[in-house]
Structure formats: C-alpha cells, structure tokens
Amino acid sequence: MAHLLEITPLGLLSRSVLAFTKLYYLIFGILSIAGGIMGFVKAKSSISLVAGSVSGALLIAASFLLQERPIVAGVLGLLVSVLLSGKFVPDFIHKKAPVPGGLMAFLSLAGIVVSILALRK
C-alpha cells in the first residue's frame, strides 16, 4: 500500500493541514466562547464567561494568524489547548459529565494534536 506522502505532493498536504487547522481553531474558539456563555447563564459563573471568551478569542485569533504567522498561530493554539486540557481532562475524569467536561476535554486534546501537526508542516 502506498504511503500518503508518496501519492500526495508535499505542498498539497501542507496546505490541507493548515486549512484544517484554521477551521479547527475557528470552530474550537466559537465553542469555547459558547461554553463560557453557557457556564455563566447556567451557573452564574463569571469565571466561565471570562475564561471561555478569552480562550475562544485566542483560538479565533490563531485561526486568522495561521496564514501569515503559522508558527505564532500554532504555538498560540497549542498553548490554549494545553491549558484547556489541564482544566477539562481532570474534570471529565472525576465528574464523567459529557458536557462541558467531556466535549472540552476531547476538543482540547484534539487541539494539541492538530497544533503539533500544523507546527510540523
């Protein structure tokens, strides 16, 4: 079986990774902001609102920076993903709540993988 790199020109693979990363950061950012708003409305947690808004805004900024400053954007996305995973992975392990803990744990761990792939491009 042929390797993906053998049948795909490297430039095309690199562009598709960046395009996917850009879309992922955008969706992850929007969901982070929505989660912060949901935490504020449901639990009156202003910390959730601020943390969700800041992390979401940083992820959206990383999405827009990806074309011009891919290393800065990748590091920013990686940093936000690591910080969010540090909060939500332990929460999910202890509480077993699919929302927000499970969803955000999955998104942040996937964000780490996506960021590393984008930085390796």
PDB file of N, CA and C in Angstrom:
ATOM      1  N   MET A   1       0.846  -1.182   0.000  1.00  0.00           N
ATOM      2  CA  MET A   1       0.000   0.000   0.000  1.00  0.00           C
ATOM      3  C   MET A   1       0.889   1.242   0.000  1.00  0.00           C
ATOM      4  N   ALA A   2       0.584   2.161  -0.872  1.00  0.00           N
ATOM      5  CA  ALA A   2       1.387   3.379  -0.994  1.00  0.00           C
ATOM      6  C   ALA A   2       1.165   4.286   0.206  1.00  0.00           C
ATOM      7  N   HIS A   3       2.215   4.923   0.618  1.00  0.00           N
ATOM      8  CA  HIS A   3       2.165   5.903   1.699  1.00  0.00           C
ATOM      9  C   HIS A   3       1.474   7.172   1.215  1.00  0.00           C
ATOM     10  N   LEU A   4       0.810   7.877   2.099  1.00  0.00           N
ATOM     11  CA  LEU A   4       0.137   9.125   1.741  1.00  0.00           C
ATOM     12  C   LEU A   4       1.125  10.127   1.170  1.00  0.00           C
ATOM     13  N   LEU A   5       2.324  10.205   1.771  1.00  0.00           N
ATOM     14  CA  LEU A   5       3.315  11.163   1.293  1.00  0.00           C
ATOM     15  C   LEU A   5       3.836  10.810  -0.097  1.00  0.00           C
ATOM     16  N   GLU A   6       3.760   9.529  -0.466  1.00  0.00           N
ATOM     17  CA  GLU A   6       4.229   9.121  -1.789  1.00  0.00           C
ATOM     18  C   GLU A   6       3.253   9.518  -2.891  1.00  0.00           C
ATOM     19  N   ILE A   7       1.970   9.591  -2.568  1.00  0.00           N
ATOM     20  CA  ILE A   7       0.979   9.879  -3.604  1.00  0.00           C
ATOM     21  C   ILE A   7       0.451  11.314  -3.551  1.00  0.00           C
ATOM     22  N   THR A   8       0.780  12.047  -2.492  1.00  0.00           N
ATOM     23  CA  THR A   8       0.319  13.420  -2.341  1.00  0.00           C
ATOM     24  C   THR A   8       1.508  14.363  -2.386  1.00  0.00           C
ATOM     25  N   PRO A   9       1.487  15.347  -3.270  1.00  0.00           N
ATOM     26  CA  PRO A   9       2.583  16.325  -3.254  1.00  0.00           C
ATOM     27  C   PRO A   9       2.660  17.007  -1.883  1.00  0.00           C
ATOM     28  N   LEU A  10       3.861  17.212  -1.387  1.00  0.00           N
ATOM     29  CA  LEU A  10       4.045  17.764  -0.042  1.00  0.00           C
ATOM     30  C   LEU A  10       3.387  19.124   0.132  1.00  0.00           C
ATOM     31  N   GLY A  11       3.409  19.942  -0.881  1.00  0.00           N
ATOM     32  CA  GLY A  11       2.775  21.252  -0.773  1.00  0.00           C
ATOM     33  C   GLY A  11       1.279  21.147  -0.561  1.00  0.00           C
ATOM     34  N   LEU A  12       0.636  20.201  -1.248  1.00  0.00           N
ATOM     35  CA  LEU A  12      -0.803  19.995  -1.099  1.00  0.00           C
ATOM     36  C   LEU A  12      -1.129  19.482   0.293  1.00  0.00           C
ATOM     37  N   LEU A  13      -0.329  18.541   0.786  1.00  0.00           N
ATOM     38  CA  LEU A  13      -0.544  18.019   2.134  1.00  0.00           C
ATOM     39  C   LEU A  13      -0.373  19.123   3.167  1.00  0.00           C
ATOM     40  N   SER A  14       0.640  19.945   2.989  1.00  0.00           N
ATOM     41  CA  SER A  14       0.899  21.042   3.914  1.00  0.00           C
ATOM     42  C   SER A  14      -0.262  22.032   3.916  1.00  0.00           C
ATOM     43  N   ARG A  15      -0.778  22.361   2.741  1.00  0.00           N
ATOM     44  CA  ARG A  15      -1.910  23.287   2.647  1.00  0.00           C
ATOM     45  C   ARG A  15      -3.165  22.702   3.289  1.00  0.00           C
ATOM     46  N   SER A  16      -3.387  21.402   3.101  1.00  0.00           N
ATOM     47  CA  SER A  16      -4.592  20.805   3.670  1.00  0.00           C
ATOM     48  C   SER A  16      -4.516  20.749   5.190  1.00  0.00           C
ATOM     49  N   VAL A  17      -3.334  20.515   5.748  1.00  0.00           N
ATOM     50  CA  VAL A  17      -3.170  20.530   7.206  1.00  0.00           C
ATOM     51  C   VAL A  17      -3.443  21.930   7.737  1.00  0.00           C
ATOM     52  N   LEU A  18      -2.897  22.946   7.079  1.00  0.00           N
ATOM     53  CA  LEU A  18      -3.129  24.322   7.526  1.00  0.00           C
ATOM     54  C   LEU A  18      -4.601  24.719   7.384  1.00  0.00           C
ATOM     55  N   ALA A  19      -5.236  24.305   6.307  1.00  0.00           N
ATOM     56  CA  ALA A  19      -6.650  24.632   6.105  1.00  0.00           C
ATOM     57  C   ALA A  19      -7.505  23.965   7.187  1.00  0.00           C
ATOM     58  N   PHE A  20      -7.204  22.706   7.490  1.00  0.00           N
ATOM     59  CA  PHE A  20      -7.943  22.006   8.539  1.00  0.00           C
ATOM     60  C   PHE A  20      -7.705  22.667   9.894  1.00  0.00           C
ATOM     61  N   THR A  21      -6.453  23.026  10.180  1.00  0.00           N
ATOM     62  CA  THR A  21      -6.113  23.658  11.457  1.00  0.00           C
ATOM     63  C   THR A  21      -6.837  24.983  11.602  1.00  0.00           C
ATOM     64  N   LYS A  22      -6.867  25.749  10.528  1.00  0.00           N
ATOM     65  CA  LYS A  22      -7.565  27.044  10.547  1.00  0.00           C
ATOM     66  C   LYS A  22      -9.038  26.853  10.894  1.00  0.00           C
ATOM     67  N   LEU A  23      -9.690  25.913  10.251  1.00  0.00           N
ATOM     68  CA  LEU A  23     -11.097  25.632  10.511  1.00  0.00           C
ATOM     69  C   LEU A  23     -11.288  25.087  11.930  1.00  0.00           C
ATOM     70  N   TYR A  24     -10.385  24.212  12.367  1.00  0.00           N
ATOM     71  CA  TYR A  24     -10.496  23.635  13.711  1.00  0.00           C
ATOM     72  C   TYR A  24     -10.394  24.709  14.788  1.00  0.00           C
ATOM     73  N   TYR A  25      -9.398  25.574  14.664  1.00  0.00           N
ATOM     74  CA  TYR A  25      -9.249  26.653  15.652  1.00  0.00           C
ATOM     75  C   TYR A  25     -10.487  27.548  15.676  1.00  0.00           C
ATOM     76  N   LEU A  26     -11.039  27.836  14.516  1.00  0.00           N
ATOM     77  CA  LEU A  26     -12.225  28.694  14.441  1.00  0.00           C
ATOM     78  C   LEU A  26     -13.412  28.039  15.158  1.00  0.00           C
ATOM     79  N   ILE A  27     -13.677  26.771  14.853  1.00  0.00           N
ATOM     80  CA  ILE A  27     -14.795  26.066  15.482  1.00  0.00           C
ATOM     81  C   ILE A  27     -14.548  25.894  16.981  1.00  0.00           C
ATOM     82  N   PHE A  28     -13.332  25.514  17.350  1.00  0.00           N
ATOM     83  CA  PHE A  28     -12.979  25.334  18.764  1.00  0.00           C
ATOM     84  C   PHE A  28     -13.128  26.660  19.515  1.00  0.00           C
ATOM     85  N   GLY A  29     -12.735  27.749  18.901  1.00  0.00           N
ATOM     86  CA  GLY A  29     -12.877  29.067  19.523  1.00  0.00           C
ATOM     87  C   GLY A  29     -14.322  29.448  19.743  1.00  0.00           C
ATOM     88  N   ILE A  30     -15.150  29.226  18.734  1.00  0.00           N
ATOM     89  CA  ILE A  30     -16.580  29.541  18.851  1.00  0.00           C
ATOM     90  C   ILE A  30     -17.227  28.695  19.943  1.00  0.00           C
ATOM     91  N   LEU A  31     -16.887  27.400  19.985  1.00  0.00           N
ATOM     92  CA  LEU A  31     -17.447  26.526  21.013  1.00  0.00           C
ATOM     93  C   LEU A  31     -16.959  26.904  22.409  1.00  0.00           C
ATOM     94  N   SER A  32     -15.730  27.385  22.515  1.00  0.00           N
ATOM     95  CA  SER A  32     -15.204  27.825  23.809  1.00  0.00           C
ATOM     96  C   SER A  32     -15.966  29.052  24.316  1.00  0.00           C
ATOM     97  N   ILE A  33     -16.208  29.983  23.417  1.00  0.00           N
ATOM     98  CA  ILE A  33     -16.992  31.173  23.793  1.00  0.00           C
ATOM     99  C   ILE A  33     -18.413  30.766  24.189  1.00  0.00           C
ATOM    100  N   ALA A  34     -19.020  29.891  23.396  1.00  0.00           N
ATOM    101  CA  ALA A  34     -20.380  29.421  23.706  1.00  0.00           C
ATOM    102  C   ALA A  34     -20.412  28.701  25.053  1.00  0.00           C
ATOM    103  N   GLY A  35     -19.387  27.906  25.339  1.00  0.00           N
ATOM    104  CA  GLY A  35     -19.314  27.209  26.625  1.00  0.00           C
ATOM    105  C   GLY A  35     -19.175  28.177  27.785  1.00  0.00           C
ATOM    106  N   GLY A  36     -18.399  29.228  27.596  1.00  0.00           N
ATOM    107  CA  GLY A  36     -18.262  30.243  28.634  1.00  0.00           C
ATOM    108  C   GLY A  36     -19.580  30.947  28.906  1.00  0.00           C
ATOM    109  N   ILE A  37     -20.301  31.241  27.848  1.00  0.00           N
ATOM    110  CA  ILE A  37     -21.621  31.879  27.995  1.00  0.00           C
ATOM    111  C   ILE A  37     -22.587  30.923  28.688  1.00  0.00           C
ATOM    112  N   MET A  38     -22.542  29.639  28.284  1.00  0.00           N
ATOM    113  CA  MET A  38     -23.410  28.640  28.892  1.00  0.00           C
ATOM    114  C   MET A  38     -23.103  28.491  30.395  1.00  0.00           C
ATOM    115  N   GLY A  39     -21.827  28.491  30.762  1.00  0.00           N
ATOM    116  CA  GLY A  39     -21.448  28.403  32.170  1.00  0.00           C
ATOM    117  C   GLY A  39     -21.929  29.606  32.964  1.00  0.00           C
ATOM    118  N   PHE A  40     -21.898  30.764  32.327  1.00  0.00           N
ATOM    119  CA  PHE A  40     -22.370  31.975  33.003  1.00  0.00           C
ATOM    120  C   PHE A  40     -23.887  31.941  33.200  1.00  0.00           C
ATOM    121  N   VAL A  41     -24.605  31.553  32.161  1.00  0.00           N
ATOM    122  CA  VAL A  41     -26.069  31.532  32.230  1.00  0.00           C
ATOM    123  C   VAL A  41     -26.550  30.448  33.198  1.00  0.00           C
ATOM    124  N   LYS A  42     -25.939  29.270  33.108  1.00  0.00           N
ATOM    125  CA  LYS A  42     -26.395  28.137  33.907  1.00  0.00           C
ATOM    126  C   LYS A  42     -25.975  28.246  35.377  1.00  0.00           C
ATOM    127  N   ALA A  43     -24.712  28.624  35.628  1.00  0.00           N
ATOM    128  CA  ALA A  43     -24.182  28.608  36.999  1.00  0.00           C
ATOM    129  C   ALA A  43     -23.825  29.995  37.519  1.00  0.00           C
ATOM    130  N   LYS A  44     -24.136  31.026  36.741  1.00  0.00           N
ATOM    131  CA  LYS A  44     -23.777  32.406  37.119  1.00  0.00           C
ATOM    132  C   LYS A  44     -22.277  32.546  37.387  1.00  0.00           C
ATOM    133  N   SER A  45     -21.485  31.799  36.628  1.00  0.00           N
ATOM    134  CA  SER A  45     -20.037  31.795  36.807  1.00  0.00           C
ATOM    135  C   SER A  45     -19.394  32.821  35.871  1.00  0.00           C
ATOM    136  N   SER A  46     -18.983  33.943  36.444  1.00  0.00           N
ATOM    137  CA  SER A  46     -18.313  34.949  35.625  1.00  0.00           C
ATOM    138  C   SER A  46     -16.924  34.461  35.202  1.00  0.00           C
ATOM    139  N   ILE A  47     -16.328  33.558  35.984  1.00  0.00           N
ATOM    140  CA  ILE A  47     -15.033  32.981  35.599  1.00  0.00           C
ATOM    141  C   ILE A  47     -15.185  32.185  34.305  1.00  0.00           C
ATOM    142  N   SER A  48     -16.264  31.425  34.175  1.00  0.00           N
ATOM    143  CA  SER A  48     -16.511  30.672  32.935  1.00  0.00           C
ATOM    144  C   SER A  48     -16.653  31.611  31.749  1.00  0.00           C
ATOM    145  N   LEU A  49     -17.371  32.700  31.953  1.00  0.00           N
ATOM    146  CA  LEU A  49     -17.572  33.665  30.875  1.00  0.00           C
ATOM    147  C   LEU A  49     -16.245  34.271  30.429  1.00  0.00           C
ATOM    148  N   VAL A  50     -15.433  34.696  31.377  1.00  0.00           N
ATOM    149  CA  VAL A  50     -14.146  35.319  31.039  1.00  0.00           C
ATOM    150  C   VAL A  50     -13.203  34.297  30.417  1.00  0.00           C
ATOM    151  N   ALA A  51     -13.065  33.128  31.050  1.00  0.00           N
ATOM    152  CA  ALA A  51     -12.145  32.109  30.541  1.00  0.00           C
ATOM    153  C   ALA A  51     -12.570  31.613  29.164  1.00  0.00           C
ATOM    154  N   GLY A  52     -13.864  31.374  28.969  1.00  0.00           N
ATOM    155  CA  GLY A  52     -14.355  30.928  27.669  1.00  0.00           C
ATOM    156  C   GLY A  52     -14.168  31.978  26.597  1.00  0.00           C
ATOM    157  N   SER A  53     -14.432  33.227  26.948  1.00  0.00           N
ATOM    158  CA  SER A  53     -14.285  34.314  25.977  1.00  0.00           C
ATOM    159  C   SER A  53     -12.829  34.547  25.596  1.00  0.00           C
ATOM    160  N   VAL A  54     -11.944  34.539  26.588  1.00  0.00           N
ATOM    161  CA  VAL A  54     -10.524  34.777  26.310  1.00  0.00           C
ATOM    162  C   VAL A  54      -9.934  33.615  25.514  1.00  0.00           C
ATOM    163  N   SER A  55     -10.182  32.384  25.954  1.00  0.00           N
ATOM    164  CA  SER A  55      -9.620  31.244  25.226  1.00  0.00           C
ATOM    165  C   SER A  55     -10.214  31.153  23.822  1.00  0.00           C
ATOM    166  N   GLY A  56     -11.504  31.409  23.702  1.00  0.00           N
ATOM    167  CA  GLY A  56     -12.123  31.395  22.379  1.00  0.00           C
ATOM    168  C   GLY A  56     -11.571  32.470  21.466  1.00  0.00           C
ATOM    169  N   ALA A  57     -11.396  33.671  22.008  1.00  0.00           N
ATOM    170  CA  ALA A  57     -10.839  34.766  21.204  1.00  0.00           C
ATOM    171  C   ALA A  57      -9.406  34.455  20.771  1.00  0.00           C
ATOM    172  N   LEU A  58      -8.624  33.847  21.652  1.00  0.00           N
ATOM    173  CA  LEU A  58      -7.246  33.482  21.291  1.00  0.00           C
ATOM    174  C   LEU A  58      -7.225  32.410  20.202  1.00  0.00           C
ATOM    175  N   LEU A  59      -8.133  31.443  20.285  1.00  0.00           N
ATOM    176  CA  LEU A  59      -8.194  30.406  19.248  1.00  0.00           C
ATOM    177  C   LEU A  59      -8.651  30.988  17.907  1.00  0.00           C
ATOM    178  N   ILE A  60      -9.604  31.895  17.942  1.00  0.00           N
ATOM    179  CA  ILE A  60     -10.046  32.548  16.699  1.00  0.00           C
ATOM    180  C   ILE A  60      -8.922  33.398  16.133  1.00  0.00           C
ATOM    181  N   ALA A  61      -8.187  34.083  16.991  1.00  0.00           N
ATOM    182  CA  ALA A  61      -7.026  34.857  16.530  1.00  0.00           C
ATOM    183  C   ALA A  61      -5.991  33.936  15.896  1.00  0.00           C
ATOM    184  N   ALA A  62      -5.755  32.775  16.501  1.00  0.00           N
ATOM    185  CA  ALA A  62      -4.810  31.807  15.931  1.00  0.00           C
ATOM    186  C   ALA A  62      -5.282  31.349  14.554  1.00  0.00           C
ATOM    187  N   SER A  63      -6.587  31.182  14.411  1.00  0.00           N
ATOM    188  CA  SER A  63      -7.140  30.783  13.116  1.00  0.00           C
ATOM    189  C   SER A  63      -6.824  31.818  12.039  1.00  0.00           C
ATOM    190  N   PHE A  64      -6.996  33.088  12.375  1.00  0.00           N
ATOM    191  CA  PHE A  64      -6.751  34.146  11.397  1.00  0.00           C
ATOM    192  C   PHE A  64      -5.256  34.399  11.175  1.00  0.00           C
ATOM    193  N   LEU A  65      -4.441  34.113  12.164  1.00  0.00           N
ATOM    194  CA  LEU A  65      -2.991  34.307  12.039  1.00  0.00           C
ATOM    195  C   LEU A  65      -2.289  33.190  11.278  1.00  0.00           C
ATOM    196  N   LEU A  66      -2.968  32.079  11.104  1.00  0.00           N
ATOM    197  CA  LEU A  66      -2.323  30.882  10.577  1.00  0.00           C
ATOM    198  C   LEU A  66      -1.678  31.071   9.207  1.00  0.00           C
ATOM    199  N   GLN A  67      -2.284  31.834   8.341  1.00  0.00           N
ATOM    200  CA  GLN A  67      -1.711  32.033   7.004  1.00  0.00           C
ATOM    201  C   GLN A  67      -0.441  32.882   7.043  1.00  0.00           C
ATOM    202  N   GLU A  68      -0.486  33.969   7.782  1.00  0.00           N
ATOM    203  CA  GLU A  68       0.639  34.910   7.800  1.00  0.00           C
ATOM    204  C   GLU A  68       1.731  34.529   8.792  1.00  0.00           C
ATOM    205  N   ARG A  69       1.361  34.044   9.945  1.00  0.00           N
ATOM    206  CA  ARG A  69       2.308  33.719  11.022  1.00  0.00           C
ATOM    207  C   ARG A  69       2.026  32.313  11.545  1.00  0.00           C
ATOM    208  N   PRO A  70       2.312  31.263  10.760  1.00  0.00           N
ATOM    209  CA  PRO A  70       1.913  29.909  11.159  1.00  0.00           C
ATOM    210  C   PRO A  70       2.554  29.418  12.458  1.00  0.00           C
ATOM    211  N   ILE A  71       3.782  29.807  12.736  1.00  0.00           N
ATOM    212  CA  ILE A  71       4.424  29.349  13.972  1.00  0.00           C
ATOM    213  C   ILE A  71       3.781  30.016  15.182  1.00  0.00           C
ATOM    214  N   VAL A  72       3.564  31.319  15.098  1.00  0.00           N
ATOM    215  CA  VAL A  72       2.911  32.040  16.194  1.00  0.00           C
ATOM    216  C   VAL A  72       1.519  31.464  16.429  1.00  0.00           C
ATOM    217  N   ALA A  73       0.769  31.252  15.357  1.00  0.00           N
ATOM    218  CA  ALA A  73      -0.592  30.719  15.470  1.00  0.00           C
ATOM    219  C   ALA A  73      -0.583  29.305  16.047  1.00  0.00           C
ATOM    220  N   GLY A  74       0.338  28.464  15.589  1.00  0.00           N
ATOM    221  CA  GLY A  74       0.424  27.097  16.091  1.00  0.00           C
ATOM    222  C   GLY A  74       0.780  27.041  17.564  1.00  0.00           C
ATOM    223  N   VAL A  75       1.729  27.876  17.969  1.00  0.00           N
ATOM    224  CA  VAL A  75       2.114  27.922  19.389  1.00  0.00           C
ATOM    225  C   VAL A  75       0.960  28.457  20.229  1.00  0.00           C
ATOM    226  N   LEU A  76       0.277  29.473  19.751  1.00  0.00           N
ATOM    227  CA  LEU A  76      -0.871  30.027  20.466  1.00  0.00           C
ATOM    228  C   LEU A  76      -1.978  28.980  20.612  1.00  0.00           C
ATOM    229  N   GLY A  77      -2.296  28.305  19.520  1.00  0.00           N
ATOM    230  CA  GLY A  77      -3.313  27.249  19.570  1.00  0.00           C
ATOM    231  C   GLY A  77      -2.903  26.107  20.489  1.00  0.00           C
ATOM    232  N   LEU A  78      -1.625  25.743  20.452  1.00  0.00           N
ATOM    233  CA  LEU A  78      -1.119  24.679  21.317  1.00  0.00           C
ATOM    234  C   LEU A  78      -1.200  25.092  22.782  1.00  0.00           C
ATOM    235  N   LEU A  79      -0.799  26.301  23.085  1.00  0.00           N
ATOM    236  CA  LEU A  79      -0.824  26.793  24.462  1.00  0.00           C
ATOM    237  C   LEU A  79      -2.251  26.807  25.025  1.00  0.00           C
ATOM    238  N   VAL A  80      -3.183  27.344  24.265  1.00  0.00           N
ATOM    239  CA  VAL A  80      -4.577  27.393  24.715  1.00  0.00           C
ATOM    240  C   VAL A  80      -5.125  25.975  24.885  1.00  0.00           C
ATOM    241  N   SER A  81      -4.802  25.082  23.947  1.00  0.00           N
ATOM    242  CA  SER A  81      -5.284  23.701  24.031  1.00  0.00           C
ATOM    243  C   SER A  81      -4.724  22.981  25.255  1.00  0.00           C
ATOM    244  N   VAL A  82      -3.445  23.191  25.549  1.00  0.00           N
ATOM    245  CA  VAL A  82      -2.834  22.565  26.731  1.00  0.00           C
ATOM    246  C   VAL A  82      -3.482  23.099  28.012  1.00  0.00           C
ATOM    247  N   LEU A  83      -3.669  24.402  28.079  1.00  0.00           N
ATOM    248  CA  LEU A  83      -4.288  24.989  29.273  1.00  0.00           C
ATOM    249  C   LEU A  83      -5.728  24.490  29.464  1.00  0.00           C
ATOM    250  N   LEU A  84      -6.479  24.434  28.378  1.00  0.00           N
ATOM    251  CA  LEU A  84      -7.850  23.941  28.488  1.00  0.00           C
ATOM    252  C   LEU A  84      -7.891  22.460  28.847  1.00  0.00           C
ATOM    253  N   SER A  85      -6.964  21.684  28.304  1.00  0.00           N
ATOM    254  CA  SER A  85      -6.941  20.260  28.657  1.00  0.00           C
ATOM    255  C   SER A  85      -6.571  20.074  30.126  1.00  0.00           C
ATOM    256  N   GLY A  86      -5.718  20.941  30.646  1.00  0.00           N
ATOM    257  CA  GLY A  86      -5.363  20.884  32.057  1.00  0.00           C
ATOM    258  C   GLY A  86      -6.549  21.126  32.973  1.00  0.00           C
ATOM    259  N   LYS A  87      -7.513  21.852  32.503  1.00  0.00           N
ATOM    260  CA  LYS A  87      -8.738  22.112  33.275  1.00  0.00           C
ATOM    261  C   LYS A  87      -9.784  21.023  33.049  1.00  0.00           C
ATOM    262  N   PHE A  88     -10.044  20.688  31.779  1.00  0.00           N
ATOM    263  CA  PHE A  88     -11.196  19.857  31.464  1.00  0.00           C
ATOM    264  C   PHE A  88     -10.945  18.353  31.495  1.00  0.00           C
ATOM    265  N   VAL A  89      -9.738  17.893  31.232  1.00  0.00           N
ATOM    266  CA  VAL A  89      -9.484  16.449  31.292  1.00  0.00           C
ATOM    267  C   VAL A  89      -9.665  15.934  32.722  1.00  0.00           C
ATOM    268  N   PRO A  90      -9.049  16.569  33.745  1.00  0.00           N
ATOM    269  CA  PRO A  90      -9.309  16.099  35.120  1.00  0.00           C
ATOM    270  C   PRO A  90     -10.789  16.231  35.522  1.00  0.00           C
ATOM    271  N   ASP A  91     -11.441  17.310  35.099  1.00  0.00           N
ATOM    272  CA  ASP A  91     -12.871  17.461  35.394  1.00  0.00           C
ATOM    273  C   ASP A  91     -13.678  16.306  34.824  1.00  0.00           C
ATOM    274  N   PHE A  92     -13.378  15.939  33.592  1.00  0.00           N
ATOM    275  CA  PHE A  92     -14.111  14.846  32.955  1.00  0.00           C
ATOM    276  C   PHE A  92     -13.821  13.517  33.636  1.00  0.00           C
ATOM    277  N   ILE A  93     -12.577  13.288  34.010  1.00  0.00           N
ATOM    278  CA  ILE A  93     -12.219  12.037  34.679  1.00  0.00           C
ATOM    279  C   ILE A  93     -12.962  11.901  36.003  1.00  0.00           C
ATOM    280  N   HIS A  94     -13.066  12.991  36.746  1.00  0.00           N
ATOM    281  CA  HIS A  94     -13.709  12.934  38.063  1.00  0.00           C
ATOM    282  C   HIS A  94     -15.231  12.989  37.984  1.00  0.00           C
ATOM    283  N   LYS A  95     -15.771  13.847  37.141  1.00  0.00           N
ATOM    284  CA  LYS A  95     -17.224  14.057  37.112  1.00  0.00           C
ATOM    285  C   LYS A  95     -17.952  13.214  36.077  1.00  0.00           C
ATOM    286  N   LYS A  96     -17.255  12.762  35.050  1.00  0.00           N
ATOM    287  CA  LYS A  96     -17.836  11.966  33.961  1.00  0.00           C
ATOM    288  C   LYS A  96     -18.971  12.676  33.224  1.00  0.00           C
ATOM    289  N   ALA A  97     -19.006  13.998  33.313  1.00  0.00           N
ATOM    290  CA  ALA A  97     -20.052  14.771  32.634  1.00  0.00           C
ATOM    291  C   ALA A  97     -19.650  14.984  31.175  1.00  0.00           C
ATOM    292  N   PRO A  98     -20.498  14.558  30.237  1.00  0.00           N
ATOM    293  CA  PRO A  98     -20.139  14.724  28.822  1.00  0.00           C
ATOM    294  C   PRO A  98     -20.083  16.188  28.378  1.00  0.00           C
ATOM    295  N   VAL A  99     -20.909  17.033  29.001  1.00  0.00           N
ATOM    296  CA  VAL A  99     -20.909  18.457  28.677  1.00  0.00           C
ATOM    297  C   VAL A  99     -20.827  19.224  29.979  1.00  0.00           C
ATOM    298  N   PRO A 100     -19.940  20.140  30.137  1.00  0.00           N
ATOM    299  CA  PRO A 100     -18.930  20.598  29.189  1.00  0.00           C
ATOM    300  C   PRO A 100     -17.620  19.817  29.263  1.00  0.00           C
ATOM    301  N   GLY A 101     -17.405  19.057  30.360  1.00  0.00           N
ATOM    302  CA  GLY A 101     -16.118  18.414  30.575  1.00  0.00           C
ATOM    303  C   GLY A 101     -15.665  17.488  29.464  1.00  0.00           C
ATOM    304  N   GLY A 102     -16.511  16.571  29.053  1.00  0.00           N
ATOM    305  CA  GLY A 102     -16.143  15.605  28.022  1.00  0.00           C
ATOM    306  C   GLY A 102     -15.870  16.253  26.675  1.00  0.00           C
ATOM    307  N   LEU A 103     -16.767  17.136  26.283  1.00  0.00           N
ATOM    308  CA  LEU A 103     -16.606  17.827  25.000  1.00  0.00           C
ATOM    309  C   LEU A 103     -15.343  18.673  24.980  1.00  0.00           C
ATOM    310  N   MET A 104     -15.142  19.466  26.013  1.00  0.00           N
ATOM    311  CA  MET A 104     -13.966  20.337  26.042  1.00  0.00           C
ATOM    312  C   MET A 104     -12.675  19.545  26.222  1.00  0.00           C
ATOM    313  N   ALA A 105     -12.726  18.425  26.950  1.00  0.00           N
ATOM    314  CA  ALA A 105     -11.541  17.569  27.082  1.00  0.00           C
ATOM    315  C   ALA A 105     -11.163  17.018  25.714  1.00  0.00           C
ATOM    316  N   PHE A 106     -12.158  16.516  24.981  1.00  0.00           N
ATOM    317  CA  PHE A 106     -11.891  15.985  23.642  1.00  0.00           C
ATOM    318  C   PHE A 106     -11.367  17.069  22.706  1.00  0.00           C
ATOM    319  N   LEU A 107     -12.043  18.221  22.688  1.00  0.00           N
ATOM    320  CA  LEU A 107     -11.623  19.307  21.796  1.00  0.00           C
ATOM    321  C   LEU A 107     -10.223  19.807  22.122  1.00  0.00           C
ATOM    322  N   SER A 108      -9.894  19.902  23.405  1.00  0.00           N
ATOM    323  CA  SER A 108      -8.570  20.410  23.774  1.00  0.00           C
ATOM    324  C   SER A 108      -7.481  19.396  23.455  1.00  0.00           C
ATOM    325  N   LEU A 109      -7.737  18.102  23.677  1.00  0.00           N
ATOM    326  CA  LEU A 109      -6.743  17.085  23.315  1.00  0.00           C
ATOM    327  C   LEU A 109      -6.560  17.018  21.799  1.00  0.00           C
ATOM    328  N   ALA A 110      -7.663  17.111  21.078  1.00  0.00           N
ATOM    329  CA  ALA A 110      -7.560  17.149  19.612  1.00  0.00           C
ATOM    330  C   ALA A 110      -6.839  18.414  19.164  1.00  0.00           C
ATOM    331  N   GLY A 111      -7.053  19.518  19.872  1.00  0.00           N
ATOM    332  CA  GLY A 111      -6.360  20.769  19.557  1.00  0.00           C
ATOM    333  C   GLY A 111      -4.855  20.637  19.713  1.00  0.00           C
ATOM    334  N   ILE A 112      -4.417  19.877  20.703  1.00  0.00           N
ATOM    335  CA  ILE A 112      -2.984  19.637  20.888  1.00  0.00           C
ATOM    336  C   ILE A 112      -2.428  18.892  19.683  1.00  0.00           C
ATOM    337  N   VAL A 113      -3.121  17.845  19.259  1.00  0.00           N
ATOM    338  CA  VAL A 113      -2.672  17.052  18.109  1.00  0.00           C
ATOM    339  C   VAL A 113      -2.656  17.900  16.842  1.00  0.00           C
ATOM    340  N   VAL A 114      -3.726  18.635  16.599  1.00  0.00           N
ATOM    341  CA  VAL A 114      -3.824  19.479  15.400  1.00  0.00           C
ATOM    342  C   VAL A 114      -2.715  20.536  15.401  1.00  0.00           C
ATOM    343  N   SER A 115      -2.457  21.121  16.556  1.00  0.00           N
ATOM    344  CA  SER A 115      -1.413  22.153  16.651  1.00  0.00           C
ATOM    345  C   SER A 115      -0.032  21.571  16.353  1.00  0.00           C
ATOM    346  N   ILE A 116       0.242  20.413  16.898  1.00  0.00           N
ATOM    347  CA  ILE A 116       1.532  19.777  16.648  1.00  0.00           C
ATOM    348  C   ILE A 116       1.691  19.445  15.167  1.00  0.00           C
ATOM    349  N   LEU A 117       0.644  18.931  14.559  1.00  0.00           N
ATOM    350  CA  LEU A 117       0.718  18.632  13.116  1.00  0.00           C
ATOM    351  C   LEU A 117       0.946  19.898  12.300  1.00  0.00           C
ATOM    352  N   ALA A 118       0.262  20.981  12.669  1.00  0.00           N
ATOM    353  CA  ALA A 118       0.440  22.244  11.945  1.00  0.00           C
ATOM    354  C   ALA A 118       1.848  22.789  12.135  1.00  0.00           C
ATOM    355  N   LEU A 119       2.387  22.667  13.337  1.00  0.00           N
ATOM    356  CA  LEU A 119       3.746  23.153  13.586  1.00  0.00           C
ATOM    357  C   LEU A 119       4.791  22.309  12.863  1.00  0.00           C
ATOM    358  N   ARG A 120       4.509  21.051  12.644  1.00  0.00           N
ATOM    359  CA  ARG A 120       5.457  20.173  11.938  1.00  0.00           C
ATOM    360  C   ARG A 120       5.448  20.389  10.445  1.00  0.00           C
ATOM    361  N   LYS A 121       4.429  21.026   9.924  1.00  0.00           N
ATOM    362  CA  LYS A 121       4.297  21.215   8.464  1.00  0.00           C
ATOM    363  C   LYS A 121       5.492  21.936   7.941  1.00  0.00           C
TER     364      LYS A 121
END
